[in-house]
Amino acid sequence: MEIIILGSACASCKKLEKNTREIVEKLGVPVRVTKTDDFMVMMSYGVVRTPAIAVNNKVILSGSVPDYYQLHDLLKKHLVV
């Protein structure tokens, strides 16, 4: 499994990355978390508003930073089978 955080070095993108890494660790799911600010990669996912999260190459969030608990629920839904 893989999570990619798509976004620049803005505060929102950093917050989303930090919270995502913390949540994945707490869930104990074996998943690789990476971050990219490569515009071409973002375009390949169809992302025009950042930050965004892609789980296994599917964008599940774009253009907002949910609070910690909303993000937890979203990731849990997409990571835990």
PDB file of N, CA and C in Angstrom:
ATOM      1  N   MET A   1       0.828  -1.176   0.000  1.00  0.00           N
ATOM      2  CA  MET A   1       0.000   0.000   0.000  1.00  0.00           C
ATOM      3  C   MET A   1       0.873   1.239   0.000  1.00  0.00           C
ATOM      4  N   GLU A   2       0.333   2.274  -0.609  1.00  0.00           N
ATOM      5  CA  GLU A   2       1.090   3.521  -0.701  1.00  0.00           C
ATOM      6  C   GLU A   2       0.166   4.715  -0.583  1.00  0.00           C
ATOM      7  N   ILE A   3       0.629   5.717   0.156  1.00  0.00           N
ATOM      8  CA  ILE A   3      -0.047   7.003   0.255  1.00  0.00           C
ATOM      9  C   ILE A   3       0.915   8.042  -0.289  1.00  0.00           C
ATOM     10  N   ILE A   4       0.404   8.897  -1.168  1.00  0.00           N
ATOM     11  CA  ILE A   4       1.208  10.004  -1.677  1.00  0.00           C
ATOM     12  C   ILE A   4       0.517  11.308  -1.300  1.00  0.00           C
ATOM     13  N   ILE A   5       1.250  12.180  -0.627  1.00  0.00           N
ATOM     14  CA  ILE A   5       0.768  13.520  -0.329  1.00  0.00           C
ATOM     15  C   ILE A   5       1.219  14.392  -1.492  1.00  0.00           C
ATOM     16  N   LEU A   6       0.288  15.049  -2.127  1.00  0.00           N
ATOM     17  CA  LEU A   6       0.579  15.901  -3.278  1.00  0.00           C
ATOM     18  C   LEU A   6       0.430  17.347  -2.850  1.00  0.00           C
ATOM     19  N   GLY A   7       1.513  18.109  -2.916  1.00  0.00           N
ATOM     20  CA  GLY A   7       1.428  19.515  -2.539  1.00  0.00           C
ATOM     21  C   GLY A   7       2.791  20.144  -2.386  1.00  0.00           C
ATOM     22  N   SER A   8       2.757  21.440  -2.229  1.00  0.00           N
ATOM     23  CA  SER A   8       3.998  22.209  -2.108  1.00  0.00           C
ATOM     24  C   SER A   8       4.506  22.161  -0.668  1.00  0.00           C
ATOM     25  N   ALA A   9       5.302  23.111  -0.327  1.00  0.00           N
ATOM     26  CA  ALA A   9       5.849  23.194   1.026  1.00  0.00           C
ATOM     27  C   ALA A   9       5.038  24.150   1.894  1.00  0.00           C
ATOM     28  N   CYS A  10       3.779  24.376   1.537  1.00  0.00           N
ATOM     29  CA  CYS A  10       2.937  25.292   2.307  1.00  0.00           C
ATOM     30  C   CYS A  10       2.578  24.679   3.655  1.00  0.00           C
ATOM     31  N   ALA A  11       2.107  25.494   4.555  1.00  0.00           N
ATOM     32  CA  ALA A  11       1.766  25.034   5.903  1.00  0.00           C
ATOM     33  C   ALA A  11       0.683  23.961   5.878  1.00  0.00           C
ATOM     34  N   SER A  12      -0.303  24.101   5.019  1.00  0.00           N
ATOM     35  CA  SER A  12      -1.380  23.107   4.930  1.00  0.00           C
ATOM     36  C   SER A  12      -0.850  21.762   4.467  1.00  0.00           C
ATOM     37  N   CYS A  13       0.035  21.773   3.496  1.00  0.00           N
ATOM     38  CA  CYS A  13       0.608  20.535   2.979  1.00  0.00           C
ATOM     39  C   CYS A  13       1.455  19.848   4.051  1.00  0.00           C
ATOM     40  N   LYS A  14       2.223  20.631   4.788  1.00  0.00           N
ATOM     41  CA  LYS A  14       3.050  20.081   5.856  1.00  0.00           C
ATOM     42  C   LYS A  14       2.192  19.482   6.966  1.00  0.00           C
ATOM     43  N   LYS A  15       1.108  20.172   7.318  1.00  0.00           N
ATOM     44  CA  LYS A  15       0.209  19.679   8.353  1.00  0.00           C
ATOM     45  C   LYS A  15      -0.437  18.367   7.914  1.00  0.00           C
ATOM     46  N   LEU A  16      -0.884  18.303   6.666  1.00  0.00           N
ATOM     47  CA  LEU A  16      -1.512  17.088   6.156  1.00  0.00           C
ATOM     48  C   LEU A  16      -0.526  15.919   6.160  1.00  0.00           C
ATOM     49  N   GLU A  17       0.708  16.182   5.755  1.00  0.00           N
ATOM     50  CA  GLU A  17       1.720  15.128   5.763  1.00  0.00           C
ATOM     51  C   GLU A  17       1.996  14.639   7.184  1.00  0.00           C
ATOM     52  N   LYS A  18       2.174  15.572   8.111  1.00  0.00           N
ATOM     53  CA  LYS A  18       2.462  15.213   9.504  1.00  0.00           C
ATOM     54  C   LYS A  18       1.334  14.374  10.087  1.00  0.00           C
ATOM     55  N   ASN A  19       0.102  14.833   9.919  1.00  0.00           N
ATOM     56  CA  ASN A  19      -1.034  14.105  10.471  1.00  0.00           C
ATOM     57  C   ASN A  19      -1.205  12.739   9.810  1.00  0.00           C
ATOM     58  N   THR A  20      -0.986  12.670   8.515  1.00  0.00           N
ATOM     59  CA  THR A  20      -1.100  11.396   7.806  1.00  0.00           C
ATOM     60  C   THR A  20      -0.096  10.395   8.340  1.00  0.00           C
ATOM     61  N   ARG A  21       1.145  10.817   8.498  1.00  0.00           N
ATOM     62  CA  ARG A  21       2.183   9.911   9.015  1.00  0.00           C
ATOM     63  C   ARG A  21       1.842   9.427  10.434  1.00  0.00           C
ATOM     64  N   GLU A  22       1.353  10.334  11.280  1.00  0.00           N
ATOM     65  CA  GLU A  22       0.990   9.959  12.652  1.00  0.00           C
ATOM     66  C   GLU A  22      -0.157   8.948  12.658  1.00  0.00           C
ATOM     67  N   ILE A  23      -1.163   9.198  11.848  1.00  0.00           N
ATOM     68  CA  ILE A  23      -2.340   8.324  11.808  1.00  0.00           C
ATOM     69  C   ILE A  23      -1.965   6.940  11.279  1.00  0.00           C
ATOM     70  N   VAL A  24      -1.175   6.890  10.228  1.00  0.00           N
ATOM     71  CA  VAL A  24      -0.765   5.605   9.660  1.00  0.00           C
ATOM     72  C   VAL A  24       0.004   4.801  10.707  1.00  0.00           C
ATOM     73  N   GLU A  25       0.861   5.468  11.434  1.00  0.00           N
ATOM     74  CA  GLU A  25       1.626   4.784  12.475  1.00  0.00           C
ATOM     75  C   GLU A  25       0.689   4.241  13.559  1.00  0.00           C
ATOM     76  N   LYS A  26      -0.284   5.043  13.984  1.00  0.00           N
ATOM     77  CA  LYS A  26      -1.227   4.609  15.015  1.00  0.00           C
ATOM     78  C   LYS A  26      -2.108   3.467  14.535  1.00  0.00           C
ATOM     79  N   LEU A  27      -2.489   3.478  13.258  1.00  0.00           N
ATOM     80  CA  LEU A  27      -3.313   2.402  12.721  1.00  0.00           C
ATOM     81  C   LEU A  27      -2.529   1.103  12.581  1.00  0.00           C
ATOM     82  N   GLY A  28      -1.208   1.212  12.499  1.00  0.00           N
ATOM     83  CA  GLY A  28      -0.371   0.027  12.392  1.00  0.00           C
ATOM     84  C   GLY A  28      -0.496  -0.692  11.063  1.00  0.00           C
ATOM     85  N   VAL A  29      -0.859   0.047  10.043  1.00  0.00           N
ATOM     86  CA  VAL A  29      -1.016  -0.534   8.712  1.00  0.00           C
ATOM     87  C   VAL A  29       0.303  -0.400   7.960  1.00  0.00           C
ATOM     88  N   PRO A  30       0.781  -1.490   7.350  1.00  0.00           N
ATOM     89  CA  PRO A  30       2.022  -1.401   6.586  1.00  0.00           C
ATOM     90  C   PRO A  30       1.795  -0.632   5.292  1.00  0.00           C
ATOM     91  N   VAL A  31       2.146   0.627   5.315  1.00  0.00           N
ATOM     92  CA  VAL A  31       1.927   1.492   4.155  1.00  0.00           C
ATOM     93  C   VAL A  31       3.103   2.443   4.029  1.00  0.00           C
ATOM     94  N   ARG A  32       3.479   2.731   2.808  1.00  0.00           N
ATOM     95  CA  ARG A  32       4.568   3.679   2.545  1.00  0.00           C
ATOM     96  C   ARG A  32       3.935   5.051   2.300  1.00  0.00           C
ATOM     97  N   VAL A  33       4.417   6.063   3.019  1.00  0.00           N
ATOM     98  CA  VAL A  33       3.928   7.431   2.858  1.00  0.00           C
ATOM     99  C   VAL A  33       5.034   8.256   2.228  1.00  0.00           C
ATOM    100  N   THR A  34       4.721   8.883   1.094  1.00  0.00           N
ATOM    101  CA  THR A  34       5.671   9.771   0.433  1.00  0.00           C
ATOM    102  C   THR A  34       4.977  11.098   0.163  1.00  0.00           C
ATOM    103  N   LYS A  35       5.775  12.103  -0.158  1.00  0.00           N
ATOM    104  CA  LYS A  35       5.237  13.415  -0.499  1.00  0.00           C
ATOM    105  C   LYS A  35       5.947  13.910  -1.743  1.00  0.00           C
ATOM    106  N   THR A  36       5.189  14.560  -2.606  1.00  0.00           N
ATOM    107  CA  THR A  36       5.795  15.145  -3.798  1.00  0.00           C
ATOM    108  C   THR A  36       5.250  16.540  -4.028  1.00  0.00           C
ATOM    109  N   ASP A  37       6.114  17.393  -4.521  1.00  0.00           N
ATOM    110  CA  ASP A  37       5.685  18.726  -4.946  1.00  0.00           C
ATOM    111  C   ASP A  37       5.886  18.884  -6.451  1.00  0.00           C
ATOM    112  N   ASP A  38       6.090  17.769  -7.124  1.00  0.00           N
ATOM    113  CA  ASP A  38       6.294  17.762  -8.577  1.00  0.00           C
ATOM    114  C   ASP A  38       4.970  18.052  -9.289  1.00  0.00           C
ATOM    115  N   PHE A  39       4.913  19.180  -9.958  1.00  0.00           N
ATOM    116  CA  PHE A  39       3.697  19.620 -10.633  1.00  0.00           C
ATOM    117  C   PHE A  39       3.213  18.601 -11.664  1.00  0.00           C
ATOM    118  N   MET A  40       4.124  17.976 -12.374  1.00  0.00           N
ATOM    119  CA  MET A  40       3.739  17.001 -13.397  1.00  0.00           C
ATOM    120  C   MET A  40       3.093  15.759 -12.761  1.00  0.00           C
ATOM    121  N   VAL A  41       3.592  15.362 -11.618  1.00  0.00           N
ATOM    122  CA  VAL A  41       2.995  14.229 -10.908  1.00  0.00           C
ATOM    123  C   VAL A  41       1.584  14.604 -10.461  1.00  0.00           C
ATOM    124  N   MET A  42       1.441  15.813  -9.900  1.00  0.00           N
ATOM    125  CA  MET A  42       0.113  16.272  -9.474  1.00  0.00           C
ATOM    126  C   MET A  42      -0.861  16.289 -10.644  1.00  0.00           C
ATOM    127  N   MET A  43      -0.402  16.767 -11.773  1.00  0.00           N
ATOM    128  CA  MET A  43      -1.266  16.812 -12.959  1.00  0.00           C
ATOM    129  C   MET A  43      -1.638  15.401 -13.416  1.00  0.00           C
ATOM    130  N   SER A  44      -0.735  14.453 -13.275  1.00  0.00           N
ATOM    131  CA  SER A  44      -1.035  13.081 -13.694  1.00  0.00           C
ATOM    132  C   SER A  44      -2.167  12.473 -12.854  1.00  0.00           C
ATOM    133  N   TYR A  45      -2.348  12.992 -11.638  1.00  0.00           N
ATOM    134  CA  TYR A  45      -3.457  12.555 -10.793  1.00  0.00           C
ATOM    135  C   TYR A  45      -4.709  13.412 -11.010  1.00  0.00           C
ATOM    136  N   GLY A  46      -4.592  14.457 -11.819  1.00  0.00           N
ATOM    137  CA  GLY A  46      -5.720  15.344 -12.050  1.00  0.00           C
ATOM    138  C   GLY A  46      -5.942  16.338 -10.923  1.00  0.00           C
ATOM    139  N   VAL A  47      -4.939  16.526 -10.081  1.00  0.00           N
ATOM    140  CA  VAL A  47      -5.053  17.426  -8.932  1.00  0.00           C
ATOM    141  C   VAL A  47      -4.750  18.850  -9.363  1.00  0.00           C
ATOM    142  N   VAL A  48      -5.709  19.743  -9.119  1.00  0.00           N
ATOM    143  CA  VAL A  48      -5.497  21.164  -9.406  1.00  0.00           C
ATOM    144  C   VAL A  48      -5.514  21.991  -8.121  1.00  0.00           C
ATOM    145  N   ARG A  49      -6.035  21.406  -7.037  1.00  0.00           N
ATOM    146  CA  ARG A  49      -6.043  22.082  -5.735  1.00  0.00           C
ATOM    147  C   ARG A  49      -5.299  21.221  -4.735  1.00  0.00           C
ATOM    148  N   THR A  50      -4.339  21.824  -4.075  1.00  0.00           N
ATOM    149  CA  THR A  50      -3.560  21.093  -3.088  1.00  0.00           C
ATOM    150  C   THR A  50      -3.904  21.616  -1.699  1.00  0.00           C
ATOM    151  N   PRO A  51      -3.583  20.857  -0.696  1.00  0.00           N
ATOM    152  CA  PRO A  51      -2.954  19.542  -0.724  1.00  0.00           C
ATOM    153  C   PRO A  51      -3.949  18.468  -1.138  1.00  0.00           C
ATOM    154  N   ALA A  52      -3.387  17.331  -1.519  1.00  0.00           N
ATOM    155  CA  ALA A  52      -4.201  16.186  -1.908  1.00  0.00           C
ATOM    156  C   ALA A  52      -3.543  14.923  -1.386  1.00  0.00           C
ATOM    157  N   ILE A  53      -4.359  13.873  -1.274  1.00  0.00           N
ATOM    158  CA  ILE A  53      -3.851  12.570  -0.853  1.00  0.00           C
ATOM    159  C   ILE A  53      -4.321  11.544  -1.870  1.00  0.00           C
ATOM    160  N   ALA A  54      -3.374  10.708  -2.288  1.00  0.00           N
ATOM    161  CA  ALA A  54      -3.717   9.564  -3.139  1.00  0.00           C
ATOM    162  C   ALA A  54      -3.356   8.295  -2.377  1.00  0.00           C
ATOM    163  N   VAL A  55      -4.304   7.367  -2.313  1.00  0.00           N
ATOM    164  CA  VAL A  55      -4.072   6.069  -1.698  1.00  0.00           C
ATOM    165  C   VAL A  55      -4.124   5.042  -2.814  1.00  0.00           C
ATOM    166  N   ASN A  56      -3.014   4.333  -2.979  1.00  0.00           N
ATOM    167  CA  ASN A  56      -2.916   3.335  -4.054  1.00  0.00           C
ATOM    168  C   ASN A  56      -3.339   3.930  -5.400  1.00  0.00           C
ATOM    169  N   ASN A  57      -2.809   5.110  -5.687  1.00  0.00           N
ATOM    170  CA  ASN A  57      -3.000   5.818  -6.960  1.00  0.00           C
ATOM    171  C   ASN A  57      -4.407   6.364  -7.183  1.00  0.00           C
ATOM    172  N   LYS A  58      -5.233   6.409  -6.136  1.00  0.00           N
ATOM    173  CA  LYS A  58      -6.572   6.989  -6.245  1.00  0.00           C
ATOM    174  C   LYS A  58      -6.644   8.204  -5.322  1.00  0.00           C
ATOM    175  N   VAL A  59      -6.991   9.366  -5.873  1.00  0.00           N
ATOM    176  CA  VAL A  59      -7.110  10.580  -5.070  1.00  0.00           C
ATOM    177  C   VAL A  59      -8.350  10.466  -4.190  1.00  0.00           C
ATOM    178  N   ILE A  60      -8.129  10.610  -2.864  1.00  0.00           N
ATOM    179  CA  ILE A  60      -9.249  10.513  -1.929  1.00  0.00           C
ATOM    180  C   ILE A  60      -9.555  11.850  -1.264  1.00  0.00           C
ATOM    181  N   LEU A  61      -8.690  12.844  -1.477  1.00  0.00           N
ATOM    182  CA  LEU A  61      -8.881  14.162  -0.882  1.00  0.00           C
ATOM    183  C   LEU A  61      -8.109  15.179  -1.694  1.00  0.00           C
ATOM    184  N   SER A  62      -8.722  16.331  -1.934  1.00  0.00           N
ATOM    185  CA  SER A  62      -8.030  17.386  -2.677  1.00  0.00           C
ATOM    186  C   SER A  62      -8.570  18.746  -2.270  1.00  0.00           C
ATOM    187  N   GLY A  63      -7.642  19.675  -2.042  1.00  0.00           N
ATOM    188  CA  GLY A  63      -8.007  21.066  -1.814  1.00  0.00           C
ATOM    189  C   GLY A  63      -8.403  21.436  -0.408  1.00  0.00           C
ATOM    190  N   SER A  64      -8.205  20.539   0.552  1.00  0.00           N
ATOM    191  CA  SER A  64      -8.550  20.879   1.925  1.00  0.00           C
ATOM    192  C   SER A  64      -7.698  20.072   2.895  1.00  0.00           C
ATOM    193  N   VAL A  65      -7.715  20.525   4.146  1.00  0.00           N
ATOM    194  CA  VAL A  65      -7.034  19.797   5.207  1.00  0.00           C
ATOM    195  C   VAL A  65      -8.088  19.500   6.267  1.00  0.00           C
ATOM    196  N   PRO A  66      -8.552  18.249   6.300  1.00  0.00           N
ATOM    197  CA  PRO A  66      -9.540  17.911   7.321  1.00  0.00           C
ATOM    198  C   PRO A  66      -8.901  17.929   8.703  1.00  0.00           C
ATOM    199  N   ASP A  67      -9.731  18.058   9.743  1.00  0.00           N
ATOM    200  CA  ASP A  67      -9.147  17.996  11.076  1.00  0.00           C
ATOM    201  C   ASP A  67      -8.623  16.579  11.315  1.00  0.00           C
ATOM    202  N   TYR A  68      -7.873  16.421  12.381  1.00  0.00           N
ATOM    203  CA  TYR A  68      -7.170  15.164  12.647  1.00  0.00           C
ATOM    204  C   TYR A  68      -8.123  13.963  12.645  1.00  0.00           C
ATOM    205  N   TYR A  69      -9.264  14.103  13.278  1.00  0.00           N
ATOM    206  CA  TYR A  69     -10.198  12.978  13.413  1.00  0.00           C
ATOM    207  C   TYR A  69     -10.903  12.655  12.102  1.00  0.00           C
ATOM    208  N   GLN A  70     -11.212  13.667  11.321  1.00  0.00           N
ATOM    209  CA  GLN A  70     -11.796  13.424  10.001  1.00  0.00           C
ATOM    210  C   GLN A  70     -10.784  12.698   9.107  1.00  0.00           C
ATOM    211  N   LEU A  71      -9.525  13.135   9.166  1.00  0.00           N
ATOM    212  CA  LEU A  71      -8.475  12.491   8.381  1.00  0.00           C
ATOM    213  C   LEU A  71      -8.277  11.047   8.849  1.00  0.00           C
ATOM    214  N   HIS A  72      -8.307  10.828  10.144  1.00  0.00           N
ATOM    215  CA  HIS A  72      -8.190   9.478  10.695  1.00  0.00           C
ATOM    216  C   HIS A  72      -9.272   8.577  10.105  1.00  0.00           C
ATOM    217  N   ASP A  73     -10.518   9.039  10.132  1.00  0.00           N
ATOM    218  CA  ASP A  73     -11.628   8.239   9.608  1.00  0.00           C
ATOM    219  C   ASP A  73     -11.488   7.988   8.112  1.00  0.00           C
ATOM    220  N   LEU A  74     -11.072   9.002   7.377  1.00  0.00           N
ATOM    221  CA  LEU A  74     -10.888   8.860   5.933  1.00  0.00           C
ATOM    222  C   LEU A  74      -9.804   7.834   5.606  1.00  0.00           C
ATOM    223  N   LEU A  75      -8.667   7.949   6.277  1.00  0.00           N
ATOM    224  CA  LEU A  75      -7.576   7.003   6.027  1.00  0.00           C
ATOM    225  C   LEU A  75      -7.949   5.598   6.469  1.00  0.00           C
ATOM    226  N   LYS A  76      -8.581   5.485   7.603  1.00  0.00           N
ATOM    227  CA  LYS A  76      -8.985   4.176   8.099  1.00  0.00           C
ATOM    228  C   LYS A  76      -9.912   3.488   7.088  1.00  0.00           C
ATOM    229  N   LYS A  77     -10.809   4.256   6.522  1.00  0.00           N
ATOM    230  CA  LYS A  77     -11.753   3.723   5.528  1.00  0.00           C
ATOM    231  C   LYS A  77     -11.011   3.171   4.310  1.00  0.00           C
ATOM    232  N   HIS A  78      -9.942   3.835   3.898  1.00  0.00           N
ATOM    233  CA  HIS A  78      -9.226   3.441   2.687  1.00  0.00           C
ATOM    234  C   HIS A  78      -8.059   2.485   2.927  1.00  0.00           C
ATOM    235  N   LEU A  79      -7.637   2.340   4.179  1.00  0.00           N
ATOM    236  CA  LEU A  79      -6.476   1.502   4.451  1.00  0.00           C
ATOM    237  C   LEU A  79      -6.807   0.186   5.131  1.00  0.00           C
ATOM    238  N   VAL A  80      -7.807   0.177   5.961  1.00  0.00           N
ATOM    239  CA  VAL A  80      -8.140  -1.020   6.723  1.00  0.00           C
ATOM    240  C   VAL A  80      -9.197  -1.806   5.987  1.00  0.00           C
ATOM    241  N   VAL A  81      -8.897  -3.072   5.772  1.00  0.00           N
ATOM    242  CA  VAL A  81      -9.828  -3.930   5.034  1.00  0.00           C
ATOM    243  C   VAL A  81     -10.748  -4.644   6.005  1.00  0.00           C
TER     244      VAL A  81
END
